[in-house]
C-alpha atoms as a PDB file:
ATOM      1  CA  MET A   1      60.117  91.477  86.890  1.00  0.00           C
ATOM      2  CA  GLN A   2      61.875  89.087  84.813  1.00  0.00           C
ATOM      3  CA  THR A   3      64.812  91.827  84.536  1.00  0.00           C
ATOM      4  CA  ILE A   4      65.047  91.829  88.175  1.00  0.00           C
ATOM      5  CA  MET A   5      65.066  88.289  88.729  1.00  0.00           C
ATOM      6  CA  LYS A   6      67.927  87.786  86.052  1.00  0.00           C
ATOM      7  CA  SER A   7      69.721  90.591  87.806  1.00  0.00           C
ATOM      8  CA  ILE A   8      69.553  88.598  91.198  1.00  0.00           C
ATOM      9  CA  ILE A   9      70.217  85.428  89.714  1.00  0.00           C
ATOM     10  CA  ALA A  10      73.350  87.059  88.001  1.00  0.00           C
ATOM     11  CA  LEU A  11      74.426  88.637  91.185  1.00  0.00           C
ATOM     12  CA  PHE A  12      74.202  85.501  93.121  1.00  0.00           C
ATOM     13  CA  LEU A  13      76.199  83.629  90.461  1.00  0.00           C
ATOM     14  CA  LEU A  14      78.766  86.487  90.428  1.00  0.00           C
ATOM     15  CA  THR A  15      79.088  86.194  94.462  1.00  0.00           C
ATOM     16  CA  ILE A  16      79.518  82.290  94.235  1.00  0.00           C
ATOM     17  CA  ALA A  17      82.225  82.898  91.346  1.00  0.00           C
ATOM     18  CA  PHE A  18      84.209  85.800  93.400  1.00  0.00           C
ATOM     19  CA  SER A  19      84.180  83.714  96.293  1.00  0.00           C
ATOM     20  CA  SER A  20      85.658  80.615  94.847  1.00  0.00           C
ATOM     21  CA  HIS A  21      87.908  82.824  92.851  1.00  0.00           C
ATOM     22  CA  CYS A  22      89.115  84.699  96.346  1.00  0.00           C
ATOM     23  CA  PHE A  23      88.827  81.798  98.884  1.00  0.00           C
ATOM     24  CA  GLY A  24      90.399  79.034  96.287  1.00  0.00           C
ATOM     25  CA  GLN A  25      93.561  79.007  98.399  1.00  0.00           C
ATOM     26  CA  VAL A  26      91.722  77.792 101.508  1.00  0.00           C
ATOM     27  CA  PRO A  27      92.658  74.146 102.413  1.00  0.00           C
ATOM     28  CA  VAL A  28      89.995  71.518 101.788  1.00  0.00           C
ATOM     29  CA  SER A  29      90.987  68.841 104.637  1.00  0.00           C
ATOM     30  CA  LYS A  30      88.442  69.445 107.380  1.00  0.00           C
ATOM     31  CA  LYS A  31      91.145  69.218 109.817  1.00  0.00           C
ATOM     32  CA  ALA A  32      92.871  72.329 108.214  1.00  0.00           C
ATOM     33  CA  GLU A  33      89.648  74.131 107.861  1.00  0.00           C
ATOM     34  CA  LYS A  34      88.911  74.146 111.486  1.00  0.00           C
ATOM     35  CA  GLN A  35      92.499  75.634 112.282  1.00  0.00           C
ATOM     36  CA  LEU A  36      91.600  78.529 110.084  1.00  0.00           C
ATOM     37  CA  THR A  37      90.051  81.478 112.132  1.00  0.00           C
ATOM     38  CA  PRO A  38      87.226  83.487 110.518  1.00  0.00           C
ATOM     39  CA  GLU A  39      89.721  86.396 110.108  1.00  0.00           C
ATOM     40  CA  ASP A  40      91.885  84.044 107.915  1.00  0.00           C
ATOM     41  CA  LYS A  41      88.845  82.809 105.860  1.00  0.00           C
ATOM     42  CA  ASN A  42      87.889  86.471 105.198  1.00  0.00           C
ATOM     43  CA  ALA A  43      90.978  87.809 104.275  1.00  0.00           C
ATOM     44  CA  LEU A  44      91.769  88.453 100.487  1.00  0.00           C
ATOM     45  CA  CYS A  45      95.308  89.916 100.897  1.00  0.00           C
ATOM     46  CA  PHE A  46      96.861  91.344 103.716  1.00  0.00           C
ATOM     47  CA  PRO A  47      95.352  93.892 105.166  1.00  0.00           C
ATOM     48  CA  LEU A  48      92.348  94.161 102.695  1.00  0.00           C
ATOM     49  CA  GLN A  49      89.213  92.092 104.052  1.00  0.00           C
ATOM     50  CA  LYS A  50      85.637  91.389 103.127  1.00  0.00           C
ATOM     51  CA  ASP A  51      83.361  93.368 105.274  1.00  0.00           C
ATOM     52  CA  ASP A  52      81.590  90.831 107.086  1.00  0.00           C
ATOM     53  CA  VAL A  53      81.674  92.939 110.544  1.00  0.00           C
ATOM     54  CA  TYR A  54      79.783  95.715 109.365  1.00  0.00           C
ATOM     55  CA  SER A  55      78.069  94.370 106.032  1.00  0.00           C
ATOM     56  CA  LEU A  56      77.886  98.010 104.911  1.00  0.00           C
ATOM     57  CA  TYR A  57      81.142  97.897 102.807  1.00  0.00           C
ATOM     58  CA  SER A  58      82.452  96.001  99.926  1.00  0.00           C
ATOM     59  CA  TYR A  59      85.993  95.732 101.963  1.00  0.00           C
ATOM     60  CA  ILE A  60      87.671  97.082 104.827  1.00  0.00           C
ATOM     61  CA  ILE A  61      91.058  97.583 106.591  1.00  0.00           C
ATOM     62  CA  ASP A  62      91.225  97.653 110.220  1.00  0.00           C
ATOM     63  CA  LEU A  63      93.918  99.395 111.522  1.00  0.00           C
ATOM     64  CA  ARG A  64      93.384  98.071 115.192  1.00  0.00           C
ATOM     65  CA  ASP A  65      94.871  94.940 114.083  1.00  0.00           C
ATOM     66  CA  GLU A  66      98.172  94.520 115.660  1.00  0.00           C
ATOM     67  CA  LYS A  67      99.339  92.837 112.341  1.00  0.00           C
ATOM     68  CA  VAL A  68      98.292  95.699 110.513  1.00  0.00           C
ATOM     69  CA  ARG A  69     100.110  98.199 112.760  1.00  0.00           C
ATOM     70  CA  LYS A  70     103.270  96.089 112.852  1.00  0.00           C
ATOM     71  CA  LYS A  71     103.510  95.741 109.147  1.00  0.00           C
ATOM     72  CA  TYR A  72     102.603  99.445 108.134  1.00  0.00           C
ATOM     73  CA  ALA A  73     103.005 102.021 110.750  1.00  0.00           C
ATOM     74  CA  TYR A  74     106.592 102.597 110.508  1.00  0.00           C
ATOM     75  CA  LEU A  75     106.125 103.686 107.041  1.00  0.00           C
ATOM     76  CA  PHE A  76     103.709 106.279 108.040  1.00  0.00           C
ATOM     77  CA  ALA A  77     105.873 107.480 110.850  1.00  0.00           C
ATOM     78  CA  LYS A  78     108.879 107.579 108.540  1.00  0.00           C
ATOM     79  CA  TYR A  79     106.978 110.274 106.180  1.00  0.00           C
ATOM     80  CA  ASN A  80     105.395 112.060 109.157  1.00  0.00           C
ATOM     81  CA  TYR A  81     101.771 110.778 108.890  1.00  0.00           C
ATOM     82  CA  GLU A  82      99.279 109.751 111.656  1.00  0.00           C
ATOM     83  CA  PHE A  83      98.470 105.914 111.561  1.00  0.00           C
ATOM     84  CA  SER A  84      94.762 106.503 110.870  1.00  0.00           C
ATOM     85  CA  GLY A  85      92.157 105.784 108.420  1.00  0.00           C
ATOM     86  CA  TYR A  86      91.935 109.389 107.246  1.00  0.00           C
ATOM     87  CA  VAL A  87      95.553 109.180 106.295  1.00  0.00           C
ATOM     88  CA  TRP A  88      95.270 105.928 104.675  1.00  0.00           C
ATOM     89  CA  ALA A  89      92.302 106.939 102.881  1.00  0.00           C
ATOM     90  CA  GLY A  90      93.963 109.865 101.361  1.00  0.00           C
ATOM     91  CA  ILE A  91      97.163 107.621  99.893  1.00  0.00           C
ATOM     92  CA  LEU A  92      94.507 104.994  98.895  1.00  0.00           C
ATOM     93  CA  LYS A  93      92.584 107.710  96.695  1.00  0.00           C
ATOM     94  CA  GLY A  94      95.927 108.909  95.016  1.00  0.00           C
ATOM     95  CA  ILE A  95      96.684 105.160  94.167  1.00  0.00           C
ATOM     96  CA  ILE A  96      93.237 104.325  92.879  1.00  0.00           C
ATOM     97  CA  LYS A  97      93.357 107.544  90.703  1.00  0.00           C
ATOM     98  CA  GLN A  98      96.455 106.153  89.001  1.00  0.00           C
ATOM     99  CA  ALA A  99      94.920 102.757  88.035  1.00  0.00           C
ATOM    100  CA  ASP A 100      95.018 102.030  84.242  1.00  0.00           C
ATOM    101  CA  ASP A 101      91.695 100.620  84.412  1.00  0.00           C
ATOM    102  CA  LYS A 102      89.249 103.780  84.652  1.00  0.00           C
ATOM    103  CA  ASN A 103      86.340 101.529  85.906  1.00  0.00           C
ATOM    104  CA  ILE A 104      88.249 101.103  89.049  1.00  0.00           C
ATOM    105  CA  THR A 105      88.736 104.953  89.456  1.00  0.00           C
ATOM    106  CA  ARG A 106      85.099 105.368  88.786  1.00  0.00           C
ATOM    107  CA  HIS A 107      83.509 102.528  91.133  1.00  0.00           C
ATOM    108  CA  VAL A 108      85.692 102.252  93.965  1.00  0.00           C
ATOM    109  CA  PHE A 109      85.094 104.883  96.714  1.00  0.00           C
ATOM    110  CA  VAL A 110      87.273 105.008  99.629  1.00  0.00           C
ATOM    111  CA  LYS A 111      86.336 106.561 103.164  1.00  0.00           C
ATOM    112  CA  GLY A 112      88.677 106.886 106.324  1.00  0.00           C
ATOM    113  CA  GLN A 113      87.546 106.707 110.012  1.00  0.00           C
ATOM    114  CA  GLU A 114      89.868 106.941 112.877  1.00  0.00           C
ATOM    115  CA  SER A 115      90.899 103.097 113.100  1.00  0.00           C
ATOM    116  CA  LEU A 116      89.213 101.863 109.716  1.00  0.00           C
ATOM    117  CA  VAL A 117      89.351 102.206 105.989  1.00  0.00           C
ATOM    118  CA  THR A 118      86.337 101.368 104.110  1.00  0.00           C
ATOM    119  CA  PHE A 119      85.901 100.590 100.120  1.00  0.00           C
ATOM    120  CA  THR A 120      82.548 100.730  98.512  1.00  0.00           C
ATOM    121  CA  ILE A 121      82.592  99.251  94.851  1.00  0.00           C
ATOM    122  CA  THR A 122      79.407 100.570  93.138  1.00  0.00           C
ATOM    123  CA  GLN A 123      79.886  98.055  90.044  1.00  0.00           C
ATOM    124  CA  TYR A 124      79.892  94.362  90.590  1.00  0.00           C
ATOM    125  CA  GLN A 125      82.365  93.902  87.667  1.00  0.00           C
ATOM    126  CA  VAL A 126      84.906  95.778  89.820  1.00  0.00           C
ATOM    127  CA  ALA A 127      84.350  93.598  92.617  1.00  0.00           C
ATOM    128  CA  ASP A 128      87.106  91.013  90.928  1.00  0.00           C
ATOM    129  CA  LYS A 129      89.343  93.858  89.284  1.00  0.00           C
ATOM    130  CA  PHE A 130      90.078  95.624  92.651  1.00  0.00           C
ATOM    131  CA  PRO A 131      92.022  93.237  94.741  1.00  0.00           C
ATOM    132  CA  THR A 132      94.106  92.070  91.423  1.00  0.00           C
ATOM    133  CA  PHE A 133      94.769  95.805  91.408  1.00  0.00           C
ATOM    134  CA  ILE A 134      95.414  96.810  95.226  1.00  0.00           C
ATOM    135  CA  CYS A 135      96.730  93.550  96.540  1.00  0.00           C
ATOM    136  CA  PRO A 136     100.250  93.587  95.039  1.00  0.00           C
ATOM    137  CA  ILE A 137     100.827  97.208  95.942  1.00  0.00           C
ATOM    138  CA  PHE A 138      99.987  95.977  99.692  1.00  0.00           C
ATOM    139  CA  SER A 139     102.250  93.076  99.512  1.00  0.00           C
ATOM    140  CA  ASP A 140     105.352  95.049  98.093  1.00  0.00           C
ATOM    141  CA  LEU A 141     106.410  97.255 101.097  1.00  0.00           C
ATOM    142  CA  ARG A 142     108.720  99.132  98.644  1.00  0.00           C
ATOM    143  CA  LEU A 143     105.972  99.777  96.255  1.00  0.00           C
ATOM    144  CA  PHE A 144     103.808 100.861  98.752  1.00  0.00           C
ATOM    145  CA  GLU A 145     106.288 103.375 100.417  1.00  0.00           C
ATOM    146  CA  LYS A 146     106.776 104.875  97.020  1.00  0.00           C
ATOM    147  CA  TYR A 147     103.133 105.681  96.864  1.00  0.00           C
ATOM    148  CA  ILE A 148     103.253 107.202 100.555  1.00  0.00           C
ATOM    149  CA  LYS A 149     106.399 109.280  99.852  1.00  0.00           C
ATOM    150  CA  SER A 150     104.561 110.742  96.831  1.00  0.00           C
ATOM    151  CA  ALA A 151     101.254 111.474  98.040  1.00  0.00           C
ATOM    152  CA  ASP A 152      99.975 114.782  97.686  1.00  0.00           C
ATOM    153  CA  ARG A 153     100.077 116.101 101.480  1.00  0.00           C
ATOM    154  CA  HIS A 154      97.426 118.681 100.579  1.00  0.00           C
ATOM    155  CA  LYS A 155      95.018 116.037  99.858  1.00  0.00           C
ATOM    156  CA  ILE A 156      95.728 113.969 103.066  1.00  0.00           C
ATOM    157  CA  LYS A 157      94.092 114.828 106.257  1.00  0.00           C
ATOM    158  CA  ASN A 158      96.694 114.260 108.687  1.00  0.00           C
ATOM    159  CA  TYR A 159      94.996 112.899 111.877  1.00  0.00           C
END
């Protein structure tokens, strides 16, 4: 029983630390806070979001979002890929396999759906590491394009 309580407390403290780490950039003024949408508060790094909608996954990428489509769709078209969660998942699995930190490769699971990419993280220590790993790739379109270009087409469901 004590072990369970310690685990719950550790998870609670980790959640608080993770939230303050990820959302430390949120303005402190009440006026500025009111101007932020729930979407803005939820964003870790574009297009990665905490899953506060479904509450089933650690993170999601919603491909229905027009901002996501505008920023990334042309890259997929350039390399003859559909702009779908299935294709994103295949490419992201390849990226994650290349992570230097093998905990990321072992504990981050990606699944694609038609217009959604979901990430499930099975070890809480990886929760902080994953955005640090993937966000620089998403923010550098040339780097992300290199991954798309070099992806193994046989492992990607192009629909």
